[in-house]
């Protein structure tokens, strides 16, 4: 497409995002950073893992986002007895009343939606967790040897409780890597919590105003991929990723001491895509190094595996990422 048309489209995307945030603010109080990261992942075609204690309106936020975008929304509560077919669907025997012939008919599961909320994904065994892998990566599922395409856009939002560890099944690194962002949902500040309490204890329930639709979102996703990025900025994203590895190019002391495994190439891809989405969300038709730095934490924090020394010394992945941003020079 003509770059001039893309520039105009980016300005339109920026206005649409402003309207969307205004609509979400009518229902969801606070959590502006979380909302922005969800929008970035949506525009970049990625999935999100939301980590936060119960009661922080994670489910409300996801459902409201789907309603505002006019997208089909399904929620699955993950439990220890949940089976893969409960998510993907299954083939059932159907008998023709006239001829008596029997045939199989596919009954679609809740994964067939634009937005799938996988609530407490670490409460179900690995077999069921793995049922989402093909859906997240290929946007399709296979049941009985037959492939079924998922709706487009397809966006998985999984939640995880960080404080309860008994009876849970931690996500393996291979599945964590499928999530573009790990979003930390924290407590609201005092003013936001007061507004939340007053709003949710009155009989004046806010109404959601739809602002976008699936077709427009798909156009915006393609637009984000066309946003240009300089080679030096892309190399900066690559440098951040490679320096998370103990055997990386820079041999950073903090990484060598506290990191067991670093981020893989998918992290570099998501850094660039998220930076493009952030630039477009701000109305800019060019991603820069500041965009890379702004999305580094949610992209990298679940891809860095620390060792026992880090746990003993209280060094978190966010600490390591903040150090990398200081020592890696921006172009």
Protein backbone atom coordinates (compact mmCIF):
# COMPACT_ATOMS: atom_id res chain seq x y z
CA UNK A 1 0.00 0.00 0.00
CA UNK A 2 0.93 3.65 -0.39
CA UNK A 3 2.90 4.83 2.69
CA UNK A 4 0.82 8.03 2.71
CA UNK A 5 -2.34 5.95 3.07
CA UNK A 6 -0.70 3.97 5.87
CA UNK A 7 0.21 7.18 7.71
CA UNK A 8 -3.42 8.29 7.53
CA UNK A 9 -4.53 4.83 8.67
CA UNK A 10 -2.17 5.00 11.67
CA UNK A 11 -3.75 8.30 12.70
CA UNK A 12 -7.16 6.66 12.45
CA UNK A 13 -5.91 3.72 14.54
CA UNK A 14 -4.67 6.14 17.19
CA UNK A 15 -8.09 7.81 17.36
CA UNK A 16 -9.83 4.43 17.53
CA UNK A 17 -7.57 3.40 20.41
CA UNK A 18 -8.38 6.62 22.26
CA UNK A 19 -12.11 5.97 21.87
CA UNK A 20 -11.60 2.38 22.99
CA UNK A 21 -9.73 3.37 26.14
CA UNK A 22 -12.46 5.90 26.94
CA UNK A 23 -15.13 3.22 26.56
CA UNK A 24 -13.20 0.77 28.75
CA UNK A 25 -12.70 3.42 31.44
CA UNK A 26 -16.47 3.56 31.91
CA UNK A 27 -16.40 0.02 33.31
CA UNK A 28 -12.81 -0.79 34.32
CA UNK A 29 -11.33 1.61 36.87
CA UNK A 30 -7.57 2.11 36.75
CA UNK A 31 -5.27 -0.53 35.20
CA UNK A 32 -4.29 1.83 32.35
CA UNK A 33 -0.96 0.06 31.83
CA UNK A 34 -2.66 -3.34 31.68
CA UNK A 35 -5.20 -2.05 29.14
CA UNK A 36 -2.45 -0.63 26.94
CA UNK A 37 -0.47 -3.88 26.99
CA UNK A 38 -3.59 -5.86 26.05
CA UNK A 39 -4.19 -3.52 23.12
CA UNK A 40 -0.56 -3.85 22.00
CA UNK A 41 -0.81 -7.63 22.02
CA UNK A 42 -4.13 -7.53 20.17
CA UNK A 43 -2.74 -5.26 17.44
CA UNK A 44 0.39 -7.41 17.16
CA UNK A 45 -1.61 -10.65 16.96
CA UNK A 46 -0.19 -12.07 20.19
CA UNK A 47 -1.54 -13.68 23.35
CA UNK A 48 -1.28 -12.54 26.97
CA UNK A 49 -0.72 -14.19 30.33
CA UNK A 50 -2.19 -12.04 33.11
CA UNK A 51 -0.64 -12.63 36.54
CA UNK A 52 -2.40 -11.15 39.55
CA UNK A 53 -4.18 -11.99 42.78
CA UNK A 54 -7.95 -12.59 42.73
CA UNK A 55 -10.34 -9.65 42.75
CA UNK A 56 -8.42 -7.29 40.43
CA UNK A 57 -11.12 -7.35 37.70
CA UNK A 58 -9.10 -9.43 35.23
CA UNK A 59 -12.18 -11.28 33.98
CA UNK A 60 -14.23 -8.07 33.85
CA UNK A 61 -11.49 -6.35 31.85
CA UNK A 62 -11.26 -9.14 29.27
CA UNK A 63 -15.03 -9.44 28.87
CA UNK A 64 -15.44 -5.67 28.55
CA UNK A 65 -12.63 -5.50 25.99
CA UNK A 66 -14.36 -8.17 23.89
CA UNK A 67 -17.70 -6.33 24.10
CA UNK A 68 -16.11 -3.03 23.18
CA UNK A 69 -14.47 -4.62 20.14
CA UNK A 70 -17.67 -6.49 19.12
CA UNK A 71 -15.81 -9.79 19.39
CA UNK A 72 -17.18 -13.18 20.43
CA UNK A 73 -16.04 -13.98 23.96
CA UNK A 74 -15.80 -17.32 25.79
CA UNK A 75 -14.49 -18.07 29.27
CA UNK A 76 -13.13 -21.41 30.47
CA UNK A 77 -12.51 -22.02 34.17
CA UNK A 78 -9.53 -24.37 34.27
CA UNK A 79 -9.83 -27.14 36.88
CA UNK A 80 -7.87 -30.35 37.60
CA UNK A 81 -10.56 -32.50 35.92
CA UNK A 82 -10.81 -30.43 32.73
CA UNK A 83 -10.17 -32.49 29.60
CA UNK A 84 -8.77 -31.29 26.22
CA UNK A 85 -12.11 -32.03 24.53
CA UNK A 86 -13.79 -29.64 26.98
CA UNK A 87 -11.83 -26.85 25.28
CA UNK A 88 -11.47 -27.90 21.67
CA UNK A 89 -14.75 -29.78 21.15
CA UNK A 90 -15.38 -33.36 20.10
CA UNK A 91 -17.00 -35.60 17.49
CA UNK A 92 -20.39 -37.02 18.47
CA UNK A 93 -22.41 -39.79 16.86
CA UNK A 94 -25.49 -38.54 15.03
CA UNK A 95 -28.28 -40.84 13.75
CA UNK A 96 -30.46 -39.83 10.79
CA UNK A 97 -34.04 -40.48 11.89
CA UNK A 98 -35.19 -41.14 8.33
CA UNK A 99 -32.53 -43.51 7.02
CA UNK A 100 -31.07 -44.69 10.29
CA UNK A 101 -27.56 -43.92 9.02
CA UNK A 102 -24.98 -42.95 11.59
CA UNK A 103 -22.37 -40.26 11.12
CA UNK A 104 -20.04 -38.15 13.22
CA UNK A 105 -20.72 -34.47 13.77
CA UNK A 106 -18.21 -32.05 15.28
CA UNK A 107 -19.40 -30.06 18.29
CA UNK A 108 -17.22 -26.98 18.63
CA UNK A 109 -15.77 -26.18 22.04
CA UNK A 110 -15.31 -22.77 23.70
CA UNK A 111 -11.99 -22.25 21.89
CA UNK A 112 -14.05 -21.21 18.85
CA UNK A 113 -14.27 -17.54 19.78
CA UNK A 114 -12.38 -14.36 19.01
CA UNK A 115 -11.37 -13.84 22.65
CA UNK A 116 -10.80 -16.86 24.89
CA UNK A 117 -10.27 -16.27 28.61
CA UNK A 118 -8.40 -19.22 30.12
CA UNK A 119 -9.04 -18.57 33.80
CA UNK A 120 -6.40 -19.96 36.21
CA UNK A 121 -4.62 -21.87 33.47
CA UNK A 122 -2.13 -23.35 35.96
CA UNK A 123 -4.90 -25.28 37.74
CA UNK A 124 -5.29 -27.88 34.99
CA UNK A 125 -2.89 -30.74 34.08
CA UNK A 126 -0.34 -30.35 31.25
CA UNK A 127 -2.40 -32.49 28.85
CA UNK A 128 -5.21 -29.94 28.90
CA UNK A 129 -2.82 -26.97 28.90
CA UNK A 130 -1.22 -28.39 25.76
CA UNK A 131 -4.61 -28.39 24.02
CA UNK A 132 -4.18 -24.66 23.61
CA UNK A 133 -0.74 -24.89 21.98
CA UNK A 134 -1.93 -25.65 18.47
CA UNK A 135 -4.75 -23.11 18.74
CA UNK A 136 -2.40 -20.34 19.90
CA UNK A 137 0.30 -20.99 17.33
CA UNK A 138 -1.57 -22.25 14.26
CA UNK A 139 -5.03 -20.71 14.84
CA UNK A 140 -6.55 -24.13 14.27
CA UNK A 141 -7.30 -27.32 16.16
CA UNK A 142 -7.23 -30.96 15.07
CA UNK A 143 -9.94 -33.35 16.27
CA UNK A 144 -10.20 -36.87 14.89
CA UNK A 145 -7.59 -36.10 12.25
CA UNK A 146 -9.65 -33.21 10.87
CA UNK A 147 -8.38 -29.64 11.09
CA UNK A 148 -10.80 -26.91 12.12
CA UNK A 149 -9.87 -23.26 11.56
CA UNK A 150 -10.50 -20.83 14.40
CA UNK A 151 -12.21 -17.45 14.01
CA UNK A 152 -10.05 -14.49 13.15
CA UNK A 153 -8.85 -12.57 15.06
CA UNK A 154 -8.10 -15.12 17.78
CA UNK A 155 -6.80 -13.85 21.09
CA UNK A 156 -6.01 -16.01 24.17
CA UNK A 157 -5.91 -14.31 27.55
CA UNK A 158 -4.85 -16.62 30.36
CA UNK A 159 -4.88 -15.70 34.03
CA UNK A 160 -2.67 -17.07 36.76
CA UNK A 161 -2.74 -16.61 40.53
CA UNK A 162 0.82 -15.98 41.79
CA UNK A 163 0.19 -16.74 45.47
CA UNK A 164 -1.48 -20.17 45.41
CA UNK A 165 0.93 -22.93 44.44
CA UNK A 166 -0.69 -26.01 46.00
CA UNK A 167 -2.54 -28.16 43.51
CA UNK A 168 -1.24 -26.22 40.51
CA UNK A 169 0.61 -27.25 37.38
CA UNK A 170 3.16 -24.58 36.37
CA UNK A 171 3.17 -23.85 32.66
CA UNK A 172 6.17 -25.37 30.87
CA UNK A 173 8.62 -22.98 29.23
CA UNK A 174 7.56 -24.09 25.74
CA UNK A 175 4.00 -22.95 26.40
CA UNK A 176 5.03 -19.78 28.22
CA UNK A 177 7.00 -18.83 25.12
CA UNK A 178 3.76 -18.85 23.10
CA UNK A 179 2.49 -15.86 25.10
CA UNK A 180 3.61 -12.55 23.69
CA UNK A 181 3.26 -10.70 27.01
CA UNK A 182 3.24 -11.59 30.66
CA UNK A 183 1.20 -8.77 32.14
CA UNK A 184 1.43 -8.05 35.87
CA UNK A 185 -1.93 -6.93 37.26
CA UNK A 186 -1.28 -5.03 40.50
CA UNK A 187 -3.49 -3.45 43.14
CA UNK A 188 -5.07 -0.10 42.15
CA UNK A 189 -4.01 3.08 43.90
CA UNK A 190 -6.18 4.60 46.63
CA UNK A 191 -8.10 7.02 44.38
CA UNK A 192 -8.85 4.33 41.79
CA UNK A 193 -9.92 1.83 44.47
CA UNK A 194 -12.28 4.38 46.02
CA UNK A 195 -13.86 5.05 42.63
CA UNK A 196 -14.09 1.29 42.04
CA UNK A 197 -15.90 0.70 45.34
CA UNK A 198 -18.38 3.54 44.73
CA UNK A 199 -19.05 2.45 41.13
CA UNK A 200 -19.59 -1.24 41.84
CA UNK A 201 -21.85 -0.74 44.90
CA UNK A 202 -24.40 1.52 43.20
CA UNK A 203 -27.34 0.64 40.96
CA UNK A 204 -26.00 2.78 38.13
CA UNK A 205 -24.26 0.15 36.02
CA UNK A 206 -22.18 1.62 33.18
CA UNK A 207 -22.94 0.52 29.63
CA UNK A 208 -20.27 -0.52 27.14
CA UNK A 209 -20.19 1.32 23.83
CA UNK A 210 -18.90 -0.82 20.92
CA UNK A 211 -16.15 0.98 19.01
CA UNK A 212 -14.54 -1.53 16.60
CA UNK A 213 -15.32 -4.82 14.87
CA UNK A 214 -13.38 -7.92 13.83
CA UNK A 215 -12.79 -6.77 10.25
CA UNK A 216 -11.32 -3.44 11.36
CA UNK A 217 -9.09 -5.14 13.92
CA UNK A 218 -7.68 -7.44 11.24
CA UNK A 219 -6.93 -4.42 9.05
CA UNK A 220 -5.15 -2.74 11.95
CA UNK A 221 -3.11 -5.91 12.60
CA UNK A 222 -1.90 -5.88 9.00
CA UNK A 223 -1.20 -2.15 9.28
CA UNK A 224 0.99 -2.67 12.35
CA UNK A 225 3.15 -5.16 10.46
CA UNK A 226 3.72 -2.55 7.74
CA UNK A 227 5.03 0.04 10.21
CA UNK A 228 8.72 0.52 9.31
CA UNK A 229 11.55 -0.01 11.75
CA UNK A 230 15.18 0.97 11.24
CA UNK A 231 17.85 -1.73 11.15
CA UNK A 232 19.58 -0.14 14.14
CA UNK A 233 16.36 -0.33 16.20
CA UNK A 234 15.75 -3.96 15.21
CA UNK A 235 19.36 -4.72 16.14
CA UNK A 236 18.74 -3.10 19.55
CA UNK A 237 15.85 -5.54 20.12
CA UNK A 238 18.14 -8.39 19.08
CA UNK A 239 20.85 -7.15 21.45
CA UNK A 240 18.45 -7.12 24.40
CA UNK A 241 17.33 -10.66 23.68
CA UNK A 242 20.80 -12.11 23.12
CA UNK A 243 22.13 -10.45 26.28
CA UNK A 244 19.58 -12.34 28.39
CA UNK A 245 21.52 -15.54 27.67
CA UNK A 246 24.42 -16.52 29.98
CA UNK A 247 26.43 -17.41 26.89
CA UNK A 248 25.36 -14.27 25.05
CA UNK A 249 27.43 -11.80 23.08
CA UNK A 250 27.92 -9.27 25.88
CA UNK A 251 28.68 -11.65 28.77
CA UNK A 252 26.92 -9.38 31.25
CA UNK A 253 27.96 -10.23 34.80
CA UNK A 254 24.45 -10.05 36.32
CA UNK A 255 23.13 -12.39 33.65
CA UNK A 256 26.01 -14.84 33.97
CA UNK A 257 25.53 -14.99 37.73
CA UNK A 258 21.76 -15.26 38.00
CA UNK A 259 20.33 -16.57 34.70
CA UNK A 260 20.08 -20.26 33.81
CA UNK A 261 18.38 -19.87 30.42
CA UNK A 262 17.70 -16.73 28.40
CA UNK A 263 15.08 -15.70 25.86
CA UNK A 264 14.87 -17.31 22.42
CA UNK A 265 14.45 -15.77 18.97
CA UNK A 266 10.67 -15.44 19.41
CA UNK A 267 11.39 -12.74 21.99
CA UNK A 268 13.14 -10.60 19.35
CA UNK A 269 10.19 -11.02 17.01
CA UNK A 270 7.71 -9.98 19.69
CA UNK A 271 9.87 -7.02 20.76
CA UNK A 272 9.77 -5.65 17.22
CA UNK A 273 6.05 -6.36 16.72
CA UNK A 274 5.12 -4.83 20.07
CA UNK A 275 7.26 -1.78 19.33
CA UNK A 276 5.48 -1.30 16.00
CA UNK A 277 2.10 -1.63 17.73
CA UNK A 278 3.12 0.90 20.39
CA UNK A 279 4.22 3.39 17.75
CA UNK A 280 0.96 2.97 15.83
CA UNK A 281 -1.05 3.28 19.04
CA UNK A 282 0.64 6.65 19.61
CA UNK A 283 -0.04 7.79 16.03
CA UNK A 284 3.55 7.38 14.81
CA UNK A 285 4.39 5.59 11.56
CA UNK A 286 7.83 4.50 12.70
CA UNK A 287 9.01 2.44 15.68
CA UNK A 288 12.03 3.63 17.64
CA UNK A 289 14.27 2.30 20.40
CA UNK A 290 12.11 3.84 23.13
CA UNK A 291 9.25 1.65 21.95
CA UNK A 292 11.51 -1.40 22.25
CA UNK A 293 12.53 -0.41 25.79
CA UNK A 294 8.90 0.20 26.83
CA UNK A 295 7.79 -3.34 25.90
CA UNK A 296 10.93 -5.15 27.05
CA UNK A 297 9.60 -6.16 30.49
CA UNK A 298 6.30 -7.81 29.45
CA UNK A 299 8.00 -9.57 26.51
CA UNK A 300 11.06 -10.87 28.35
CA UNK A 301 10.05 -11.48 31.97
CA UNK A 302 8.55 -14.95 31.38
CA UNK A 303 11.31 -16.00 28.99
CA UNK A 304 14.21 -15.58 31.43
CA UNK A 305 14.78 -18.55 33.75
CA UNK A 306 16.76 -17.61 36.83
CA UNK A 307 18.83 -19.95 39.01
CA UNK A 308 18.89 -20.65 42.73
CA UNK A 309 21.34 -17.82 43.41
CA UNK A 310 18.85 -15.30 42.04
CA UNK A 311 16.12 -16.64 44.31
CA UNK A 312 18.44 -16.55 47.32
CA UNK A 313 19.54 -12.98 46.60
CA UNK A 314 16.04 -11.72 45.74
CA UNK A 315 16.91 -10.94 42.11
CA UNK A 316 13.86 -11.09 39.84
CA UNK A 317 13.60 -11.19 36.08
CA UNK A 318 12.36 -7.60 36.12
CA UNK A 319 15.55 -6.61 37.95
CA UNK A 320 17.64 -8.27 35.24
CA UNK A 321 15.64 -6.59 32.44
CA UNK A 322 16.02 -3.17 34.07
CA UNK A 323 19.78 -3.75 34.25
CA UNK A 324 19.91 -4.77 30.58
CA UNK A 325 18.09 -1.59 29.58
CA UNK A 326 20.77 0.40 31.40
CA UNK A 327 23.81 -1.34 29.94
CA UNK A 328 22.53 -1.83 26.37
CA UNK A 329 22.95 1.44 24.51
CA UNK A 330 20.04 2.66 22.42
CA UNK A 331 20.74 3.71 18.82
